[in-house]
Structures are given as C-alpha cells and as structure tokens.
C-alpha atoms as a PDB file:
ATOM      1  CA  MET A   1     103.036 -68.926-175.124  1.00  0.00           C
ATOM      2  CA  THR A   2     102.093 -66.420-177.700  1.00  0.00           C
ATOM      3  CA  ALA A   3     103.866 -66.026-181.112  1.00  0.00           C
ATOM      4  CA  GLU A   4     105.431 -62.785-179.922  1.00  0.00           C
ATOM      5  CA  THR A   5     106.871 -64.375-176.786  1.00  0.00           C
ATOM      6  CA  ASP A   6     108.103 -67.311-178.837  1.00  0.00           C
ATOM      7  CA  ASN A   7     109.597 -64.836-181.400  1.00  0.00           C
ATOM      8  CA  ILE A   8     111.490 -62.987-178.642  1.00  0.00           C
ATOM      9  CA  THR A   9     112.922 -66.331-177.332  1.00  0.00           C
ATOM     10  CA  THR A  10     114.093 -66.901-180.887  1.00  0.00           C
ATOM     11  CA  LEU A  11     115.465 -63.413-180.932  1.00  0.00           C
ATOM     12  CA  LEU A  12     117.216 -63.863-177.664  1.00  0.00           C
ATOM     13  CA  LYS A  13     118.991 -66.856-179.095  1.00  0.00           C
ATOM     14  CA  ARG A  14     119.843 -65.176-182.279  1.00  0.00           C
ATOM     15  CA  ARG A  15     120.823 -61.725-180.922  1.00  0.00           C
ATOM     16  CA  GLY A  16     121.050 -62.169-177.156  1.00  0.00           C
ATOM     17  CA  ASP A  17     123.462 -59.244-176.685  1.00  0.00           C
ATOM     18  CA  LYS A  18     121.079 -56.700-178.315  1.00  0.00           C
ATOM     19  CA  VAL A  19     118.043 -58.051-176.323  1.00  0.00           C
ATOM     20  CA  ARG A  20     119.643 -58.078-173.110  1.00  0.00           C
ATOM     21  CA  LYS A  21     121.074 -54.499-173.752  1.00  0.00           C
ATOM     22  CA  VAL A  22     117.675 -53.149-174.618  1.00  0.00           C
ATOM     23  CA  LEU A  23     115.973 -54.806-171.591  1.00  0.00           C
ATOM     24  CA  ASN A  24     118.540 -53.291-169.372  1.00  0.00           C
ATOM     25  CA  ILE A  25     118.278 -49.755-170.818  1.00  0.00           C
ATOM     26  CA  LEU A  26     114.544 -49.846-170.323  1.00  0.00           C
ATOM     27  CA  VAL A  27     114.714 -50.623-166.594  1.00  0.00           C
ATOM     28  CA  GLU A  28     117.698 -48.396-165.800  1.00  0.00           C
ATOM     29  CA  SER A  29     115.857 -45.130-166.103  1.00  0.00           C
ATOM     30  CA  PRO A  30     112.205 -43.879-166.679  1.00  0.00           C
ATOM     31  CA  TYR A  31     112.861 -42.921-170.301  1.00  0.00           C
ATOM     32  CA  PHE A  32     114.970 -44.334-173.119  1.00  0.00           C
ATOM     33  CA  TYR A  33     115.772 -41.690-175.743  1.00  0.00           C
ATOM     34  CA  PHE A  34     116.850 -42.330-179.287  1.00  0.00           C
ATOM     35  CA  VAL A  35     119.907 -39.991-178.801  1.00  0.00           C
ATOM     36  CA  ASP A  36     120.970 -42.228-175.657  1.00  0.00           C
ATOM     37  CA  ASP A  37     121.881 -45.196-178.049  1.00  0.00           C
ATOM     38  CA  PRO A  38     120.426 -44.995-181.654  1.00  0.00           C
ATOM     39  CA  ASP A  39     121.494 -48.403-182.446  1.00  0.00           C
ATOM     40  CA  SER A  40     119.670 -50.139-179.625  1.00  0.00           C
ATOM     41  CA  PHE A  41     116.663 -47.765-180.000  1.00  0.00           C
ATOM     42  CA  ARG A  42     116.289 -48.873-183.692  1.00  0.00           C
ATOM     43  CA  PHE A  43     116.583 -52.415-182.628  1.00  0.00           C
ATOM     44  CA  LEU A  44     113.791 -51.999-180.089  1.00  0.00           C
ATOM     45  CA  ARG A  45     111.770 -50.212-182.717  1.00  0.00           C
ATOM     46  CA  ARG A  46     112.376 -53.003-185.224  1.00  0.00           C
ATOM     47  CA  HIS A  47     111.180 -55.620-182.793  1.00  0.00           C
ATOM     48  CA  ARG A  48     108.695 -53.540-180.944  1.00  0.00           C
ATOM     49  CA  LEU A  49     105.999 -56.072-180.992  1.00  0.00           C
ATOM     50  CA  GLU A  50     108.083 -58.717-179.384  1.00  0.00           C
ATOM     51  CA  PHE A  51     109.198 -56.566-176.632  1.00  0.00           C
ATOM     52  CA  VAL A  52     105.703 -55.234-176.076  1.00  0.00           C
ATOM     53  CA  GLU A  53     104.361 -58.780-175.580  1.00  0.00           C
ATOM     54  CA  PHE A  54     107.257 -59.812-173.406  1.00  0.00           C
ATOM     55  CA  PHE A  55     106.758 -57.140-170.876  1.00  0.00           C
ATOM     56  CA  ARG A  56     102.892 -57.778-171.113  1.00  0.00           C
ATOM     57  CA  GLN A  57     103.182 -61.410-170.656  1.00  0.00           C
ATOM     58  CA  TYR A  58     105.792 -61.683-167.901  1.00  0.00           C
ATOM     59  CA  TYR A  59     105.328 -58.522-165.910  1.00  0.00           C
ATOM     60  CA  GLY A  60     101.956 -56.902-166.721  1.00  0.00           C
ATOM     61  CA  TRP A  61     103.909 -53.700-167.841  1.00  0.00           C
ATOM     62  CA  LEU A  62     103.151 -51.536-170.836  1.00  0.00           C
ATOM     63  CA  LEU A  63     105.736 -50.584-173.242  1.00  0.00           C
ATOM     64  CA  ARG A  64     105.087 -47.204-175.072  1.00  0.00           C
ATOM     65  CA  MET A  65     107.314 -45.589-177.575  1.00  0.00           C
ATOM     66  CA  ASP A  66     107.403 -42.931-180.371  1.00  0.00           C
ATOM     67  CA  GLY A  67     110.260 -41.921-182.699  1.00  0.00           C
ATOM     68  CA  LYS A  68     112.180 -40.273-179.972  1.00  0.00           C
ATOM     69  CA  CYS A  69     111.383 -41.956-176.647  1.00  0.00           C
ATOM     70  CA  ALA A  70     110.448 -45.321-175.172  1.00  0.00           C
ATOM     71  CA  ARG A  71     109.283 -46.112-171.580  1.00  0.00           C
ATOM     72  CA  ILE A  72     107.812 -48.843-169.463  1.00  0.00           C
ATOM     73  CA  TYR A  73     104.659 -48.105-167.497  1.00  0.00           C
ATOM     74  CA  LYS A  74     104.272 -50.123-164.372  1.00  0.00           C
ATOM     75  CA  THR A  75     100.654 -49.786-163.424  1.00  0.00           C
ATOM     76  CA  GLU A  76     100.740 -51.762-160.051  1.00  0.00           C
ATOM     77  CA  TRP A  77     103.213 -51.894-157.210  1.00  0.00           C
ATOM     78  CA  HIS A  78     103.422 -55.393-155.721  1.00  0.00           C
ATOM     79  CA  ASN A  79     105.687 -55.073-152.665  1.00  0.00           C
ATOM     80  CA  SER A  80     103.306 -53.407-150.205  1.00  0.00           C
ATOM     81  CA  ALA A  81     106.034 -53.293-147.532  1.00  0.00           C
ATOM     82  CA  ILE A  82     107.516 -50.343-149.600  1.00  0.00           C
ATOM     83  CA  THR A  83     105.522 -47.323-148.970  1.00  0.00           C
ATOM     84  CA  PRO A  84     104.799 -44.708-151.546  1.00  0.00           C
ATOM     85  CA  ALA A  85     107.146 -42.270-149.700  1.00  0.00           C
ATOM     86  CA  ASN A  86     110.114 -44.755-150.060  1.00  0.00           C
ATOM     87  CA  ARG A  87     109.534 -45.587-153.812  1.00  0.00           C
ATOM     88  CA  ALA A  88     112.032 -44.132-156.217  1.00  0.00           C
ATOM     89  CA  LEU A  89     109.390 -42.260-158.338  1.00  0.00           C
ATOM     90  CA  PHE A  90     109.223 -38.900-159.885  1.00  0.00           C
ATOM     91  CA  GLN A  91     106.793 -37.002-157.882  1.00  0.00           C
ATOM     92  CA  PHE A  92     106.185 -33.563-156.155  1.00  0.00           C
ATOM     93  CA  SER A  93     104.548 -33.368-152.858  1.00  0.00           C
ATOM     94  CA  ARG A  94     103.963 -29.671-152.476  1.00  0.00           C
ATOM     95  CA  ARG A  95     100.967 -28.086-154.214  1.00  0.00           C
ATOM     96  CA  ASP A  96     102.956 -25.321-155.883  1.00  0.00           C
ATOM     97  CA  GLU A  97     105.507 -27.745-157.329  1.00  0.00           C
ATOM     98  CA  CYS A  98     102.705 -29.965-158.731  1.00  0.00           C
ATOM     99  CA  LEU A  99     101.035 -26.952-160.363  1.00  0.00           C
ATOM    100  CA  ALA A 100     104.462 -25.827-161.726  1.00  0.00           C
ATOM    101  CA  PHE A 101     104.892 -29.105-163.555  1.00  0.00           C
ATOM    102  CA  MET A 102     101.587 -28.909-165.010  1.00  0.00           C
ATOM    103  CA  MET A 103     102.373 -25.366-166.126  1.00  0.00           C
ATOM    104  CA  LEU A 104     105.516 -26.617-167.753  1.00  0.00           C
ATOM    105  CA  LEU A 105     103.497 -29.088-169.798  1.00  0.00           C
ATOM    106  CA  GLU A 106     100.948 -26.326-170.785  1.00  0.00           C
ATOM    107  CA  PHE A 107     103.953 -24.012-171.722  1.00  0.00           C
ATOM    108  CA  PHE A 108     105.522 -26.886-173.755  1.00  0.00           C
ATOM    109  CA  GLU A 109     102.388 -27.477-175.763  1.00  0.00           C
ATOM    110  CA  GLN A 110     101.909 -23.812-176.338  1.00  0.00           C
ATOM    111  CA  GLN A 111     105.573 -23.476-177.578  1.00  0.00           C
ATOM    112  CA  LEU A 112     105.017 -26.393-179.915  1.00  0.00           C
ATOM    113  CA  GLU A 113     102.044 -24.975-181.362  1.00  0.00           C
ATOM    114  CA  GLU A 114     103.636 -21.458-181.803  1.00  0.00           C
ATOM    115  CA  ASN A 115     106.690 -23.033-183.432  1.00  0.00           C
ATOM    116  CA  GLY A 116     104.663 -25.486-185.562  1.00  0.00           C
ATOM    117  CA  MET A 117     106.702 -28.452-183.950  1.00  0.00           C
ATOM    118  CA  THR A 118     105.789 -32.196-183.352  1.00  0.00           C
ATOM    119  CA  VAL A 119     107.472 -35.247-181.937  1.00  0.00           C
ATOM    120  CA  GLU A 120     108.475 -36.130-185.493  1.00  0.00           C
ATOM    121  CA  ASP A 121     110.734 -33.023-185.801  1.00  0.00           C
ATOM    122  CA  LYS A 122     114.515 -33.944-185.693  1.00  0.00           C
ATOM    123  CA  ASP A 123     115.342 -31.181-183.045  1.00  0.00           C
ATOM    124  CA  ASN A 124     113.728 -30.837-179.694  1.00  0.00           C
ATOM    125  CA  LEU A 125     112.007 -27.576-178.583  1.00  0.00           C
ATOM    126  CA  ARG A 126     114.368 -25.098-176.792  1.00  0.00           C
ATOM    127  CA  PHE A 127     113.089 -22.273-174.566  1.00  0.00           C
ATOM    128  CA  GLN A 128     114.414 -19.595-172.356  1.00  0.00           C
ATOM    129  CA  PHE A 129     113.809 -19.948-168.650  1.00  0.00           C
ATOM    130  CA  GLY A 130     112.498 -16.306-168.631  1.00  0.00           C
ATOM    131  CA  ASP A 131     109.656 -17.228-170.851  1.00  0.00           C
ATOM    132  CA  LEU A 132     108.703 -20.204-168.699  1.00  0.00           C
ATOM    133  CA  LEU A 133     108.836 -18.043-165.572  1.00  0.00           C
ATOM    134  CA  GLU A 134     106.541 -15.353-167.125  1.00  0.00           C
ATOM    135  CA  PHE A 135     104.132 -17.953-168.268  1.00  0.00           C
ATOM    136  CA  SER A 136     103.973 -19.480-164.793  1.00  0.00           C
ATOM    137  CA  ARG A 137     103.694 -16.228-163.100  1.00  0.00           C
ATOM    138  CA  ASN A 138     100.409 -15.389-165.222  1.00  0.00           C
ATOM    139  CA  ARG A 139      99.070 -18.886-164.603  1.00  0.00           C
ATOM    140  CA  PHE A 140      99.601 -18.710-160.742  1.00  0.00           C
ATOM    141  CA  VAL A 141      97.978 -15.196-160.720  1.00  0.00           C
ATOM    142  CA  GLU A 142      95.146 -16.590-162.719  1.00  0.00           C
ATOM    143  CA  ILE A 143      94.613 -19.466-160.309  1.00  0.00           C
ATOM    144  CA  PHE A 144      95.083 -17.349-157.130  1.00  0.00           C
ATOM    145  CA  PRO A 145      94.140 -13.749-158.048  1.00  0.00           C
ATOM    146  CA  GLU A 146      93.589 -12.733-154.458  1.00  0.00           C
ATOM    147  CA  ARG A 147      97.137 -13.672-153.718  1.00  0.00           C
ATOM    148  CA  SER A 148      99.120 -12.161-156.692  1.00  0.00           C
ATOM    149  CA  ASP A 149     101.675 -10.593-154.255  1.00  0.00           C
ATOM    150  CA  GLU A 150     102.698 -14.116-153.151  1.00  0.00           C
ATOM    151  CA  TYR A 151     103.419 -15.129-156.749  1.00  0.00           C
ATOM    152  CA  SER A 152     105.762 -12.409-158.092  1.00  0.00           C
ATOM    153  CA  GLN A 153     108.341 -13.596-160.640  1.00  0.00           C
ATOM    154  CA  ASP A 154     111.143 -13.417-158.005  1.00  0.00           C
ATOM    155  CA  LYS A 155     109.154 -15.501-155.534  1.00  0.00           C
ATOM    156  CA  ILE A 156     108.121 -18.004-158.070  1.00  0.00           C
ATOM    157  CA  ARG A 157     111.740 -18.345-159.302  1.00  0.00           C
ATOM    158  CA  ASP A 158     113.275 -18.613-155.811  1.00  0.00           C
ATOM    159  CA  LYS A 159     110.616 -20.696-154.037  1.00  0.00           C
ATOM    160  CA  ILE A 160     109.228 -22.902-156.688  1.00  0.00           C
ATOM    161  CA  TRP A 161     111.296 -23.330-159.914  1.00  0.00           C
ATOM    162  CA  LYS A 162     114.600 -23.358-157.857  1.00  0.00           C
ATOM    163  CA  GLN A 163     113.309 -26.767-156.390  1.00  0.00           C
ATOM    164  CA  VAL A 164     111.433 -28.025-159.390  1.00  0.00           C
ATOM    165  CA  MET A 165     114.107 -27.391-162.232  1.00  0.00           C
ATOM    166  CA  PRO A 166     116.738 -29.704-160.733  1.00  0.00           C
ATOM    167  CA  GLU A 167     114.276 -32.540-160.364  1.00  0.00           C
ATOM    168  CA  LEU A 168     113.064 -32.037-163.937  1.00  0.00           C
ATOM    169  CA  GLU A 169     116.713 -32.184-165.062  1.00  0.00           C
ATOM    170  CA  LYS A 170     117.500 -35.257-162.825  1.00  0.00           C
ATOM    171  CA  ASN A 171     114.469 -37.154-164.385  1.00  0.00           C
ATOM    172  CA  ARG A 172     115.485 -36.124-167.861  1.00  0.00           C
ATOM    173  CA  PHE A 173     112.399 -33.952-168.744  1.00  0.00           C
ATOM    174  CA  VAL A 174     114.576 -30.932-169.584  1.00  0.00           C
ATOM    175  CA  THR A 175     118.299 -30.350-170.198  1.00  0.00           C
ATOM    176  CA  ARG A 176     120.009 -27.281-169.472  1.00  0.00           C
ATOM    177  CA  ILE A 177     122.167 -26.034-172.553  1.00  0.00           C
ATOM    178  CA  LYS A 178     125.506 -24.754-171.448  1.00  0.00           C
ATOM    179  CA  PRO A 179     126.141 -21.301-172.710  1.00  0.00           C
ATOM    180  CA  PRO A 180     129.300 -20.491-174.533  1.00  0.00           C
ATOM    181  CA  GLU A 181     132.285 -19.918-172.261  1.00  0.00           C
ATOM    182  CA  ASP A 182     132.496 -16.321-173.169  1.00  0.00           C
ATOM    183  CA  LEU A 183     128.808 -15.678-172.266  1.00  0.00           C
ATOM    184  CA  GLN A 184     127.549 -15.162-168.750  1.00  0.00           C
ATOM    185  CA  ALA A 185     123.866 -15.768-168.747  1.00  0.00           C
ATOM    186  CA  ASN A 186     121.586 -14.813-165.965  1.00  0.00           C
ATOM    187  CA  SER A 187     118.641 -17.218-164.759  1.00  0.00           C
ATOM    188  CA  PHE A 188     116.190 -15.577-167.240  1.00  0.00           C
ATOM    189  CA  GLU A 189     118.428 -16.184-170.191  1.00  0.00           C
ATOM    190  CA  LEU A 190     119.217 -19.836-169.448  1.00  0.00           C
ATOM    191  CA  ILE A 191     118.227 -22.073-172.315  1.00  0.00           C
ATOM    192  CA  TYR A 192     116.636 -25.392-171.731  1.00  0.00           C
ATOM    193  CA  GLU A 193     115.812 -28.259-174.060  1.00  0.00           C
ATOM    194  CA  ALA A 194     112.373 -29.959-173.670  1.00  0.00           C
ATOM    195  CA  MET A 195     113.120 -33.792-173.770  1.00  0.00           C
ATOM    196  CA  PRO A 196     110.800 -36.141-175.674  1.00  0.00           C
ATOM    197  CA  ALA A 197     109.293 -37.549-172.448  1.00  0.00           C
ATOM    198  CA  LEU A 198     107.046 -34.404-172.220  1.00  0.00           C
ATOM    199  CA  TYR A 199     105.054 -35.662-175.218  1.00  0.00           C
ATOM    200  CA  HIS A 200     104.008 -38.638-173.004  1.00  0.00           C
ATOM    201  CA  TYR A 201     102.021 -36.407-170.766  1.00  0.00           C
ATOM    202  CA  ASN A 202      98.617 -34.862-171.634  1.00  0.00           C
ATOM    203  CA  ALA A 203      98.728 -31.271-170.372  1.00  0.00           C
ATOM    204  CA  HIS A 204      94.928 -30.699-171.103  1.00  0.00           C
ATOM    205  CA  ALA A 205      94.051 -33.645-169.010  1.00  0.00           C
ATOM    206  CA  LEU A 206      96.346 -32.686-166.088  1.00  0.00           C
ATOM    207  CA  SER A 207      95.276 -29.052-166.222  1.00  0.00           C
ATOM    208  CA  ARG A 208      91.681 -30.222-165.565  1.00  0.00           C
ATOM    209  CA  THR A 209      92.958 -31.417-162.155  1.00  0.00           C
ATOM    210  CA  ILE A 210      94.292 -27.951-161.128  1.00  0.00           C
ATOM    211  CA  PRO A 211      91.094 -27.001-159.256  1.00  0.00           C
ATOM    212  CA  GLU A 212      91.210 -30.306-157.400  1.00  0.00           C
ATOM    213  CA  VAL A 213      94.850 -29.941-156.479  1.00  0.00           C
ATOM    214  CA  THR A 214      94.136 -26.377-155.130  1.00  0.00           C
ATOM    215  CA  ALA A 215      91.042 -27.287-153.276  1.00  0.00           C
ATOM    216  CA  ALA A 216      92.590 -30.384-151.742  1.00  0.00           C
ATOM    217  CA  ASP A 217      95.602 -28.432-150.534  1.00  0.00           C
ATOM    218  CA  GLU A 218      93.429 -25.536-148.988  1.00  0.00           C
ATOM    219  CA  GLY A 219      91.316 -28.043-147.444  1.00  0.00           C
ATOM    220  CA  LYS A 220      94.358 -29.498-145.523  1.00  0.00           C
ATOM    221  CA  GLN A 221      95.436 -25.983-144.472  1.00  0.00           C
ATOM    222  CA  ASN A 222      91.891 -25.122-143.166  1.00  0.00           C
ATOM    223  CA  GLY A 223      91.411 -28.547-141.519  1.00  0.00           C
END
C-alpha cells in the first residue's frame, strides 16, 4: 500500500462523507465541473494526490483535472461481453458527425485565441451558433471541394448539427443559453456556452485524423 492510498484511508475515516460524495460524483457523469459543486471540487483539488493514487491503484484509471473540470479516464474495457455498440459512451458513428465534432474543437480553439481566453478565466467562452455554422461550412467545403453543393449552410444545419448539438448538450460539452423571454432568437442567433471539458481535447491532434476519417468512410462506400 502506498502512502497516498494509506492517506485516503485515513481521509475516509476522518471525512468519509466528503470522500464518498466526491467518488460518486466522479463516476456519475463523464465530467465533474467546478460549478456543479464548488465545495466538493475544492475538496478533490485539495486532496488530488490521494484520489489520483486511489483510482490508479484500485482501478487502473487516470484522474485528470484543471481549475474547472475533473474526469476519470478508463483506458481499458474489462467486460468483453458488452460490445462497443452497447457501451454508454460519447461517440459518433457517422463520418460527418465525427468531422463536426472535430470542427467544434477547432472553432473553440480559434475563438479562445481571438478572445485571449484560457481555462484559467472565470467565465467560459460563449458563441453564436451561426458563427459555428459558418466555420463548419467553410471547413466542409475545404475538405470536400468537389461536393460543395452538398454542404450548404442549410444542409449542414439540418442534416449534421441538428443531430450533433443535442448529443453535445447531453454530454455537457456545450450548454444552450436561454434567451430572454421577450426575445425570439432564430437558430443562427442561439447562444451556447462552451463547457470546460473541451479543454481536455487536443483539436490539432484530432484534425490530423480528418484525412483518415474521410478516406476510411469513402473506402466503405466504394467497397
């Protein structure tokens, strides 16, 4: 037993209610945000080394956190009887939906740079859906120049983002901001808040896989 696991045993005896609450929060959803429960998040941050070692020692999981977000990385699936299709994981199966998620990450990093924001900022980035739509339209046309008619803004909005955005909201990557009651906003004017989980993805690394995603998908279609 390491010093850290011994320490969390001591911590469990001393502050069992806090330890159990943090452990439950971490496994109840993919991401634990500071705004979810500031007191528990501070407790986790204060005893980060003990929790990191606990998950590593007993489960082989990785605990990652920054000032706004904590998450558990499960690197291996042990029950082979549960197939990938039946696992409750965040994933897109269609090519254009996968590309849209990568484009969201690219857009997110671009907006951070333009607004001079980092994860250390108190407020999260907010953006208009219309700006994301325009960015993704340009990227789809860049990737598929010979099929630009298939990737008009209307088609991208209705056939791609209409399916992707609810999944992003469900998995807490973005949050839609309710407009004032006296304001009727169309889809282009909708405001979203980019949640801190997006900082945990490397947009540049994922963008390098775009040619592989498109080639693999077209190979299936031609096969």
